[in-house]
Every structure is written in C-alpha cells, then in structure tokens.
Protein backbone atom coordinates (compact mmCIF):
# COMPACT_ATOMS: atom_id res chain seq x y z
CA MET A 1 -0.64 2.42 -32.64
CA THR A 2 2.21 3.97 -33.89
CA ALA A 3 5.37 5.02 -32.14
CA ILE A 4 6.49 8.58 -33.21
CA HIS A 5 9.86 10.01 -32.20
CA ASN A 6 11.91 13.38 -32.84
CA MET A 7 15.11 12.61 -33.41
CA VAL A 8 18.19 15.26 -34.11
CA LYS A 9 21.53 16.28 -36.50
CA ALA A 10 24.43 18.47 -36.05
CA LEU A 11 25.26 19.82 -39.61
CA ILE A 12 29.17 20.46 -39.35
CA LEU A 13 31.42 21.88 -41.42
CA ARG A 14 34.95 22.51 -41.88
CA GLY A 15 35.34 23.97 -45.03
CA GLU A 16 34.98 21.56 -47.78
CA GLU A 17 34.79 18.34 -45.73
CA ILE A 18 31.09 16.96 -42.89
CA LEU A 19 31.55 15.65 -39.60
CA VAL A 20 30.77 11.76 -39.90
CA VAL A 21 29.48 9.66 -37.23
CA GLU A 22 31.50 5.62 -37.86
CA THR A 23 29.81 3.16 -35.69
CA ARG A 24 30.81 -1.69 -36.34
CA SER A 25 29.02 -4.17 -36.76
CA GLU A 26 28.77 -7.55 -37.86
CA GLN A 27 27.63 -5.78 -41.30
CA GLY A 28 30.06 -3.82 -41.61
CA SER A 29 30.98 0.35 -40.52
CA ARG A 30 28.32 2.63 -40.49
CA PHE A 31 27.98 6.33 -40.54
CA ALA A 32 25.72 8.69 -40.09
CA LEU A 33 25.16 12.91 -38.49
CA PRO A 34 25.90 13.25 -35.16
CA GLY A 35 22.53 13.63 -33.08
CA GLY A 36 19.96 11.19 -30.92
CA LEU A 37 16.44 11.09 -30.36
CA GLN A 38 14.88 13.98 -28.25
CA HIS A 39 14.04 12.51 -24.04
CA PRO A 40 11.02 13.82 -22.93
CA GLY A 41 11.90 17.56 -20.69
CA SER A 42 14.33 18.40 -23.47
CA SER A 43 14.49 20.88 -26.08
CA LEU A 44 15.46 20.45 -29.43
CA ALA A 45 18.57 22.02 -29.01
CA ASP A 46 19.11 20.57 -25.60
CA ALA A 47 18.67 16.92 -27.67
CA LEU A 48 21.71 17.72 -29.21
CA ARG A 49 23.96 19.28 -27.05
CA THR A 50 24.02 16.37 -25.32
CA ALA A 51 24.15 13.91 -28.17
CA CYS A 52 27.22 14.50 -29.68
CA SER A 53 28.43 15.04 -26.13
CA GLU A 54 28.89 11.88 -25.39
CA GLN A 55 29.05 11.17 -29.53
CA ILE A 56 32.15 12.99 -30.74
CA GLY A 57 33.50 14.11 -27.44
CA ALA A 58 32.59 17.92 -27.79
CA ALA A 59 30.96 20.48 -26.98
CA VAL A 60 28.83 21.79 -30.22
CA GLU A 61 26.94 25.07 -30.86
CA VAL A 62 23.54 24.74 -31.95
CA GLY A 63 23.12 27.32 -35.34
CA GLU A 64 19.67 27.90 -37.40
CA LEU A 65 17.83 24.56 -37.86
CA ALA A 66 17.75 23.50 -41.64
CA GLN A 67 15.73 20.85 -42.45
CA VAL A 68 13.27 18.83 -41.14
CA ARG A 69 12.35 15.48 -42.68
CA ASP A 70 9.52 12.42 -41.77
CA TYR A 71 10.99 9.15 -41.38
CA MET A 72 8.02 6.54 -42.58
CA ALA A 73 8.78 3.47 -40.99
CA TRP A 74 6.00 1.50 -43.68
CA SER A 75 7.27 3.13 -46.43
CA HIS A 76 10.04 1.23 -46.53
CA GLU A 77 9.62 -2.69 -47.73
CA PRO A 78 8.01 -4.99 -45.40
CA GLY A 79 9.98 -6.71 -42.69
CA GLU A 80 13.26 -3.90 -43.81
CA VAL A 81 12.11 -1.47 -40.40
CA ASP A 82 9.72 -1.70 -37.38
CA GLU A 83 6.86 -0.27 -39.12
CA ASP A 84 5.42 1.40 -36.59
CA VAL A 85 8.22 3.53 -35.82
CA ARG A 86 8.08 7.34 -36.98
CA VAL A 87 10.43 9.16 -36.95
CA VAL A 88 10.76 13.45 -37.24
CA GLU A 89 14.06 14.65 -38.04
CA PHE A 90 15.42 17.84 -37.45
CA TYR A 91 19.10 18.78 -39.11
CA PHE A 92 20.87 22.41 -37.49
CA ARG A 93 23.97 23.79 -38.61
CA CYS A 94 26.24 23.16 -36.43
CA SER A 95 29.66 23.98 -34.58
CA VAL A 96 32.79 23.10 -32.45
CA SER A 97 35.51 24.94 -31.48
CA ALA A 98 38.98 25.11 -34.40
CA ASP A 99 41.12 22.76 -31.98
CA PHE A 100 38.45 20.24 -32.08
CA ASP A 101 40.19 16.52 -33.48
CA ALA A 102 38.07 14.28 -35.52
CA SER A 103 40.97 11.98 -36.18
CA SER A 104 40.29 10.04 -32.19
CA GLU A 105 38.37 6.25 -31.99
CA SER A 106 37.10 5.71 -28.92
CA PRO A 107 33.91 4.21 -28.26
CA GLY A 108 30.63 6.31 -28.02
CA ALA A 109 28.00 5.58 -25.01
CA ASP A 110 26.10 5.35 -27.97
CA GLY A 111 28.23 2.06 -29.54
CA SER A 112 29.63 4.89 -32.03
CA VAL A 113 33.75 4.22 -32.64
CA ALA A 114 34.54 7.31 -34.23
CA THR A 115 34.61 10.54 -35.73
CA ARG A 116 35.18 11.68 -39.33
CA TRP A 117 35.65 13.88 -41.30
CA ILE A 118 34.05 13.04 -44.63
CA ALA A 119 35.24 15.29 -48.34
CA LEU A 120 31.24 16.99 -49.77
CA SER A 121 32.41 15.29 -52.50
CA GLU A 122 31.84 11.85 -50.91
CA LEU A 123 28.01 12.03 -49.00
CA PRO A 124 26.46 10.46 -52.45
CA ASP A 125 28.94 7.11 -52.24
CA VAL A 126 28.25 7.02 -48.39
CA GLN A 127 25.42 4.06 -47.00
CA HIS A 128 22.95 6.27 -45.02
CA ILE A 129 23.65 9.52 -45.23
CA PRO A 130 20.09 11.20 -46.58
CA GLU A 131 19.16 11.70 -50.16
CA GLY A 132 18.97 15.36 -50.93
CA LEU A 133 22.00 16.37 -47.97
CA LEU A 134 23.96 17.41 -50.08
CA GLU A 135 22.93 19.33 -52.03
CA LEU A 136 21.11 21.52 -48.10
CA LEU A 137 24.91 22.20 -47.86
CA ARG A 138 25.64 22.98 -51.38
CA SER A 139 22.76 25.73 -51.25
CA PRO A 140 22.10 27.54 -48.09
CA GLY A 141 18.57 29.00 -48.50
CA GLY A 142 17.37 27.38 -51.55
CA GLN A 143 16.28 24.27 -49.57
CA LYS A 144 12.74 23.80 -48.82
CA LEU A 145 12.17 23.37 -44.96
CA TYR A 146 10.63 20.88 -44.31
CA LEU A 147 10.39 17.86 -47.44
CA GLY A 148 7.39 15.92 -46.30
CA GLY A 149 7.62 12.20 -45.68
CA VAL A 150 10.96 10.91 -46.89
CA SER A 151 12.07 7.21 -47.16
C-alpha cells in the first residue's frame, strides 16, 4: 500500500535571492527549501511554521500557496527511492523578519547544518531543488498552481 505524505516548503525571497537549508553527509552537501512533513492534527501553515522554526531558527510569516506538486516515487528508477511513498508538496510564499541572519551554521533538529541565501540565477545548478522553481519565482501568478505528477 502506498503511503501518502504532505510536505510543506517555504519560498523565502530577499531581492534576487532565495533561502535554502544545507545538510551534509558522506555524499556531500545537499540543499533544499526550508520545510517538512505535516503531522496529524496540524494545518499546513502550522506545519510550515514549526519546520522553519526548527530548521532556520526563525519565525516565518506564511503567505499564499504558490504551487502544489505530486512527487511519485514509482516514476523513478527501481531502487532509487522507496516506491511505496507518494509525497504531495505544498509550496508557500513566506517571509522572515528583515534582521534574519542566514549566515550562521548551527545544527538543526532535522540534521540541517546551515542556512544560506543563494542567487536565483544559481538555482538551475543546485541539486535537489525542484525543476520549474525558478520560473515560478520569476513569474508569480503566471504558473499553474497544480503541476500534477512530477519526478
């Protein structure tokens, strides 16, 4: 039986930069948008506030829903990911206080080690950032809200 998980992600912009979370492992650095899983009893917005507090150490203002993606593991090569998992990702436009400092490196509860602002122009070169994110950020309102199944 396929497990379905709701995941929330924060799109936090500062001019032409976006906030990402870095984790490190034996395979190297990995970058992702701040966020996490929705747990039973919490709203999507509450789940995102909690995840961001744990990952980036700051309160976020959750804004409008920007995009929904279905991540279907069975669309990957066998053995690449757990085939019994389906994740529905909800991307929200968010903001942090103007004095938020993303330059610190401190371990988060989820294994994150650092937060960084990266230029939007660098997004196509950053692994593990969803395809199409740059187009969404550059043309608000011009993208479809629901992308359907993506890998």
